[in-house]
């Protein structure tokens, strides 16, 4: 009797071990399939992204649209890859898709700000207040537009910092685009001492402007005028039009030239002064 029980117990253990081995083998094969699907999927996504970028490049599409479309396609392909990997693991993709849709609704409600950023990105691409390569100012920040992604616009500042600004805020607030127009107006205000001859100051300024070939005559000729009798100085306003890429070079160059010419011509720069009259007893 004891011998029969031992034999029966051994048989049961053998069946359990065989079942565990079979399940382990099946699970291992399932994991291997999922891993292969993931590796192949990543490879295909990389190839598709390169193909899309090549097609967009050949069709000479706006760089702003390139970065946006590339980012969107990459996210869609990654979602499809996740669904494929889950299917390879043996999970019913239909039920998983329903679960993913439900989770998407919940996540969408929680991340409503990102949805507004996505909508803002579409608005930016449609109405084009700026494009890749433009120098803009928004949200108290300024820089050159490097990329327009699905949720953010990437700026590079003049000191080479990278800034990510949400598209939602950019599409619903004021944006200054310094690169939109081909020409810009440069303004200066120069102060001279009281008593300085008006004609001399105006003549020196006009001569400086006439010698700079970067200054344009259209849409308006250079303008020089006395603008203000300030507390310690007589102020002259100077306005000229230049090509947008020349703006800062002209601004700094003319400022330096005015300083040198005023010193050479004996035109003094004022300093804040305070005159005190003492009453006599």
Protein backbone atom coordinates (compact mmCIF):
# COMPACT_ATOMS: atom_id res chain seq x y z
CA UNK A 1 0.00 0.00 0.00
CA UNK A 2 2.78 2.37 0.93
CA UNK A 3 4.63 1.49 -2.26
CA UNK A 4 1.57 2.32 -4.38
CA UNK A 5 1.17 5.72 -2.71
CA UNK A 6 4.84 6.55 -3.30
CA UNK A 7 4.54 5.58 -6.97
CA UNK A 8 1.37 7.64 -7.36
CA UNK A 9 2.95 10.69 -5.67
CA UNK A 10 6.00 10.38 -7.89
CA UNK A 11 3.79 10.22 -10.95
CA UNK A 12 1.97 13.35 -9.90
CA UNK A 13 5.24 15.20 -9.29
CA UNK A 14 6.49 14.10 -12.67
CA UNK A 15 3.34 15.41 -14.35
CA UNK A 16 3.66 18.71 -12.46
CA UNK A 17 7.30 19.06 -13.49
CA UNK A 18 6.46 18.25 -17.10
CA UNK A 19 3.70 20.87 -17.02
CA UNK A 20 6.03 23.47 -15.53
CA UNK A 21 8.67 22.69 -18.16
CA UNK A 22 6.10 23.02 -20.95
CA UNK A 23 4.72 26.29 -19.55
CA UNK A 24 8.23 27.64 -19.00
CA UNK A 25 9.21 26.74 -22.55
CA UNK A 26 6.05 28.36 -23.89
CA UNK A 27 6.64 31.47 -21.78
CA UNK A 28 10.26 31.63 -22.87
CA UNK A 29 9.29 31.34 -26.53
CA UNK A 30 6.63 34.03 -26.01
CA UNK A 31 9.18 36.37 -24.43
CA UNK A 32 11.64 35.67 -27.24
CA UNK A 33 8.95 36.45 -29.83
CA UNK A 34 8.06 39.70 -28.03
CA UNK A 35 11.73 40.66 -27.86
CA UNK A 36 12.20 39.91 -31.57
CA UNK A 37 9.11 41.95 -32.42
CA UNK A 38 10.48 44.84 -30.35
CA UNK A 39 13.96 44.71 -31.96
CA UNK A 40 12.60 44.38 -35.50
CA UNK A 41 10.00 47.08 -34.80
CA UNK A 42 12.63 49.52 -33.54
CA UNK A 43 14.70 48.85 -36.64
CA UNK A 44 11.71 49.40 -38.93
CA UNK A 45 10.74 52.60 -37.09
CA UNK A 46 14.26 53.93 -37.56
CA UNK A 47 14.16 53.08 -41.28
CA UNK A 48 10.69 54.62 -41.74
CA UNK A 49 11.75 57.82 -39.93
CA UNK A 50 14.78 58.14 -42.21
CA UNK A 51 12.63 57.47 -45.28
CA UNK A 52 10.08 60.11 -44.21
CA UNK A 53 12.82 62.67 -43.61
CA UNK A 54 14.33 61.88 -47.01
CA UNK A 55 10.98 62.27 -48.76
CA UNK A 56 10.27 65.56 -46.97
CA UNK A 57 13.75 66.81 -47.87
CA UNK A 58 13.33 65.96 -51.55
CA UNK A 59 9.97 67.74 -51.71
CA UNK A 60 11.54 70.88 -50.15
CA UNK A 61 8.89 71.09 -47.44
CA UNK A 62 9.17 73.83 -44.81
CA UNK A 63 11.58 72.77 -42.01
CA UNK A 64 8.89 73.59 -39.44
CA UNK A 65 6.56 70.99 -40.97
CA UNK A 66 9.41 68.47 -41.24
CA UNK A 67 10.13 68.45 -37.51
CA UNK A 68 6.43 68.38 -36.59
CA UNK A 69 5.52 65.55 -38.99
CA UNK A 70 8.63 63.58 -38.07
CA UNK A 71 7.83 63.79 -34.36
CA UNK A 72 4.17 62.85 -34.94
CA UNK A 73 5.01 59.81 -37.10
CA UNK A 74 7.57 58.60 -34.56
CA UNK A 75 5.02 58.68 -31.72
CA UNK A 76 2.37 56.87 -33.81
CA UNK A 77 4.84 54.16 -34.80
CA UNK A 78 5.93 53.68 -31.19
CA UNK A 79 2.30 53.21 -30.11
CA UNK A 80 1.82 50.60 -32.85
CA UNK A 81 5.02 48.87 -31.73
CA UNK A 82 3.79 48.69 -28.13
CA UNK A 83 0.51 47.13 -29.32
CA UNK A 84 2.46 44.59 -31.42
CA UNK A 85 4.71 43.63 -28.50
CA UNK A 86 1.68 43.18 -26.23
CA UNK A 87 0.05 41.00 -28.90
CA UNK A 88 3.23 38.90 -29.15
CA UNK A 89 3.02 38.35 -25.39
CA UNK A 90 -0.35 36.68 -25.90
CA UNK A 91 -2.61 39.51 -24.77
CA UNK A 92 -5.71 39.99 -26.94
CA UNK A 93 -4.98 43.14 -28.94
CA UNK A 94 -8.69 43.98 -29.27
CA UNK A 95 -9.19 44.09 -25.52
CA UNK A 96 -5.84 45.80 -25.12
CA UNK A 97 -6.82 48.44 -27.70
CA UNK A 98 -10.06 49.06 -25.81
CA UNK A 99 -8.11 49.33 -22.57
CA UNK A 100 -5.63 51.65 -24.28
CA UNK A 101 -8.47 53.81 -25.59
CA UNK A 102 -10.00 54.06 -22.12
CA UNK A 103 -6.62 54.87 -20.64
CA UNK A 104 -6.10 57.41 -23.40
CA UNK A 105 -9.29 59.21 -22.45
CA UNK A 106 -8.25 59.30 -18.79
CA UNK A 107 -4.73 60.38 -19.64
CA UNK A 108 -6.09 62.96 -22.08
CA UNK A 109 -8.22 64.50 -19.36
CA UNK A 110 -5.24 64.53 -16.99
CA UNK A 111 -2.94 65.95 -19.65
CA UNK A 112 -5.32 68.45 -21.19
CA UNK A 113 -2.48 70.96 -21.25
CA UNK A 114 -0.50 68.75 -23.63
CA UNK A 115 -3.55 68.43 -25.87
CA UNK A 116 -3.74 72.21 -26.04
CA UNK A 117 -0.02 72.23 -26.87
CA UNK A 118 -0.67 69.76 -29.71
CA UNK A 119 -3.51 71.95 -31.02
CA UNK A 120 -1.22 74.98 -30.65
CA UNK A 121 1.41 73.24 -32.77
CA UNK A 122 -1.15 72.67 -35.53
CA UNK A 123 -2.21 76.33 -35.37
CA UNK A 124 1.43 77.43 -35.65
CA UNK A 125 1.97 75.21 -38.70
CA UNK A 126 -1.22 76.42 -40.39
CA UNK A 127 -0.93 80.18 -39.78
CA UNK A 128 2.90 80.29 -39.60
CA UNK A 129 3.54 83.19 -37.18
CA UNK A 130 7.13 81.93 -37.28
CA UNK A 131 9.16 79.13 -38.85
CA UNK A 132 12.41 77.31 -38.25
CA UNK A 133 15.31 79.77 -38.47
CA UNK A 134 13.33 82.86 -37.35
CA UNK A 135 14.44 84.91 -34.36
CA UNK A 136 11.45 85.43 -32.09
CA UNK A 137 10.58 86.81 -28.66
CA UNK A 138 7.75 85.33 -26.56
CA UNK A 139 6.94 84.66 -22.92
CA UNK A 140 9.79 86.96 -21.91
CA UNK A 141 12.27 84.76 -23.82
CA UNK A 142 14.02 85.21 -27.15
CA UNK A 143 16.01 83.01 -29.51
CA UNK A 144 16.23 81.37 -32.92
CA UNK A 145 13.61 78.71 -33.68
CA UNK A 146 15.41 75.38 -34.01
CA UNK A 147 12.47 72.95 -34.08
CA UNK A 148 8.68 72.98 -33.93
CA UNK A 149 7.78 69.71 -32.21
CA UNK A 150 4.36 68.27 -31.42
CA UNK A 151 4.11 69.85 -27.99
CA UNK A 152 6.98 72.36 -27.84
CA UNK A 153 8.91 74.89 -29.88
CA UNK A 154 12.66 74.66 -29.34
CA UNK A 155 14.64 77.92 -29.26
CA UNK A 156 18.40 78.47 -29.25
CA UNK A 157 19.39 81.70 -27.47
CA UNK A 158 22.21 83.98 -28.53
CA UNK A 159 24.39 82.52 -25.75
CA UNK A 160 23.61 78.96 -26.99
CA UNK A 161 21.05 77.93 -24.40
CA UNK A 162 18.19 75.63 -25.49
CA UNK A 163 14.66 76.64 -24.44
CA UNK A 164 11.49 74.54 -24.78
CA UNK A 165 8.32 76.66 -24.92
CA UNK A 166 4.87 74.97 -24.96
CA UNK A 167 3.08 75.46 -28.29
CA UNK A 168 -0.21 76.20 -26.50
CA UNK A 169 1.15 79.34 -24.86
CA UNK A 170 2.85 80.45 -28.09
CA UNK A 171 -0.34 80.08 -30.14
CA UNK A 172 -2.43 82.08 -27.63
CA UNK A 173 -0.05 84.90 -26.68
CA UNK A 174 1.96 87.66 -28.33
CA UNK A 175 4.98 86.56 -30.36
CA UNK A 176 7.47 89.06 -31.78
CA UNK A 177 9.05 87.77 -34.99
CA UNK A 178 12.17 89.78 -35.80
CA UNK A 179 12.87 87.81 -38.98
CA UNK A 180 9.46 88.07 -40.63
CA UNK A 181 10.19 91.31 -42.51
CA UNK A 182 13.15 91.78 -44.83
CA UNK A 183 13.98 95.23 -43.43
CA UNK A 184 13.92 96.76 -39.94
CA UNK A 185 14.24 100.26 -38.55
CA UNK A 186 17.14 101.09 -36.24
CA UNK A 187 16.60 103.86 -33.68
CA UNK A 188 19.18 105.79 -31.61
CA UNK A 189 19.00 108.68 -29.21
CA UNK A 190 22.21 110.69 -28.80
CA UNK A 191 22.58 113.39 -26.16
CA UNK A 192 24.92 116.40 -26.47
CA UNK A 193 25.75 119.29 -24.18
CA UNK A 194 23.61 122.42 -24.06
CA UNK A 195 25.07 125.15 -26.23
CA UNK A 196 26.30 122.78 -28.96
CA UNK A 197 25.53 124.05 -32.47
CA UNK A 198 22.47 122.28 -33.88
CA UNK A 199 23.59 122.39 -37.53
CA UNK A 200 26.98 120.93 -36.63
CA UNK A 201 25.51 117.97 -34.74
CA UNK A 202 22.95 117.27 -37.45
CA UNK A 203 25.58 117.53 -40.19
CA UNK A 204 27.98 115.12 -38.45
CA UNK A 205 25.21 112.56 -37.93
CA UNK A 206 24.01 112.80 -41.53
CA UNK A 207 27.59 112.43 -42.79
CA UNK A 208 28.08 109.27 -40.71
CA UNK A 209 24.89 107.76 -42.08
CA UNK A 210 25.70 108.69 -45.68
CA UNK A 211 29.01 106.81 -45.55
CA UNK A 212 27.46 103.52 -44.38
CA UNK A 213 26.41 101.45 -47.41
CA UNK A 214 24.26 99.14 -45.27
CA UNK A 215 21.75 101.92 -44.62
CA UNK A 216 18.81 101.86 -47.05
CA UNK A 217 16.92 104.71 -48.68
CA UNK A 218 13.68 102.72 -48.81
CA UNK A 219 11.10 102.53 -47.31
CA UNK A 220 12.37 105.88 -45.96
CA UNK A 221 15.55 107.93 -46.06
CA UNK A 222 17.64 108.34 -42.87
CA UNK A 223 16.01 110.71 -40.37
CA UNK A 224 17.83 113.02 -37.93
CA UNK A 225 16.10 115.56 -35.67
CA UNK A 226 16.37 117.27 -32.30
CA UNK A 227 13.84 115.39 -30.16
CA UNK A 228 14.08 116.60 -26.56
CA UNK A 229 15.51 119.27 -24.28
CA UNK A 230 16.25 116.98 -21.35
CA UNK A 231 17.48 117.84 -17.84
CA UNK A 232 21.17 117.59 -18.71
CA UNK A 233 21.31 117.12 -22.48
CA UNK A 234 19.90 118.05 -25.85
CA UNK A 235 18.75 114.76 -27.40
CA UNK A 236 18.83 113.92 -31.09
CA UNK A 237 16.85 111.01 -32.51
CA UNK A 238 18.27 109.05 -35.47
CA UNK A 239 16.24 106.52 -37.49
CA UNK A 240 17.40 104.44 -40.44
CA UNK A 241 16.22 101.35 -42.33
CA UNK A 242 18.47 98.32 -42.82
CA UNK A 243 18.16 94.70 -43.90
CA UNK A 244 17.10 92.54 -40.96
CA UNK A 245 20.36 90.50 -40.83
CA UNK A 246 22.35 93.78 -40.61
CA UNK A 247 20.38 95.21 -37.67
CA UNK A 248 22.79 94.64 -34.79
CA UNK A 249 25.96 95.23 -36.81
CA UNK A 250 24.61 98.61 -37.92
CA UNK A 251 23.38 99.49 -34.43
CA UNK A 252 26.71 98.82 -32.71
CA UNK A 253 28.81 100.12 -35.61
CA UNK A 254 27.06 103.49 -35.87
CA UNK A 255 27.11 103.91 -32.07
CA UNK A 256 30.90 103.49 -32.05
CA UNK A 257 31.36 105.79 -35.06
CA UNK A 258 29.23 108.53 -33.46
CA UNK A 259 31.32 108.36 -30.29
CA UNK A 260 34.57 108.69 -32.25
CA UNK A 261 33.32 111.49 -34.54
CA UNK A 262 31.77 113.52 -31.72
CA UNK A 263 35.07 113.41 -29.83
CA UNK A 264 36.98 114.37 -32.98
CA UNK A 265 34.59 117.26 -33.74
CA UNK A 266 34.63 118.56 -30.17
CA UNK A 267 30.98 117.73 -29.54
CA UNK A 268 30.67 116.97 -25.85
CA UNK A 269 28.59 114.24 -24.27
CA UNK A 270 26.61 115.48 -21.26
CA UNK A 271 26.78 114.23 -17.70
CA UNK A 272 23.98 114.46 -15.16
CA UNK A 273 24.31 117.84 -13.45
CA UNK A 274 22.70 119.48 -10.47
CA UNK A 275 23.03 123.25 -9.89
CA UNK A 276 22.64 124.41 -6.26
CA UNK A 277 21.99 128.07 -5.43
CA UNK A 278 22.87 129.11 -1.90
CA UNK A 279 20.71 131.88 -0.48
CA UNK A 280 22.62 134.75 1.13
CA UNK A 281 21.60 135.97 4.59
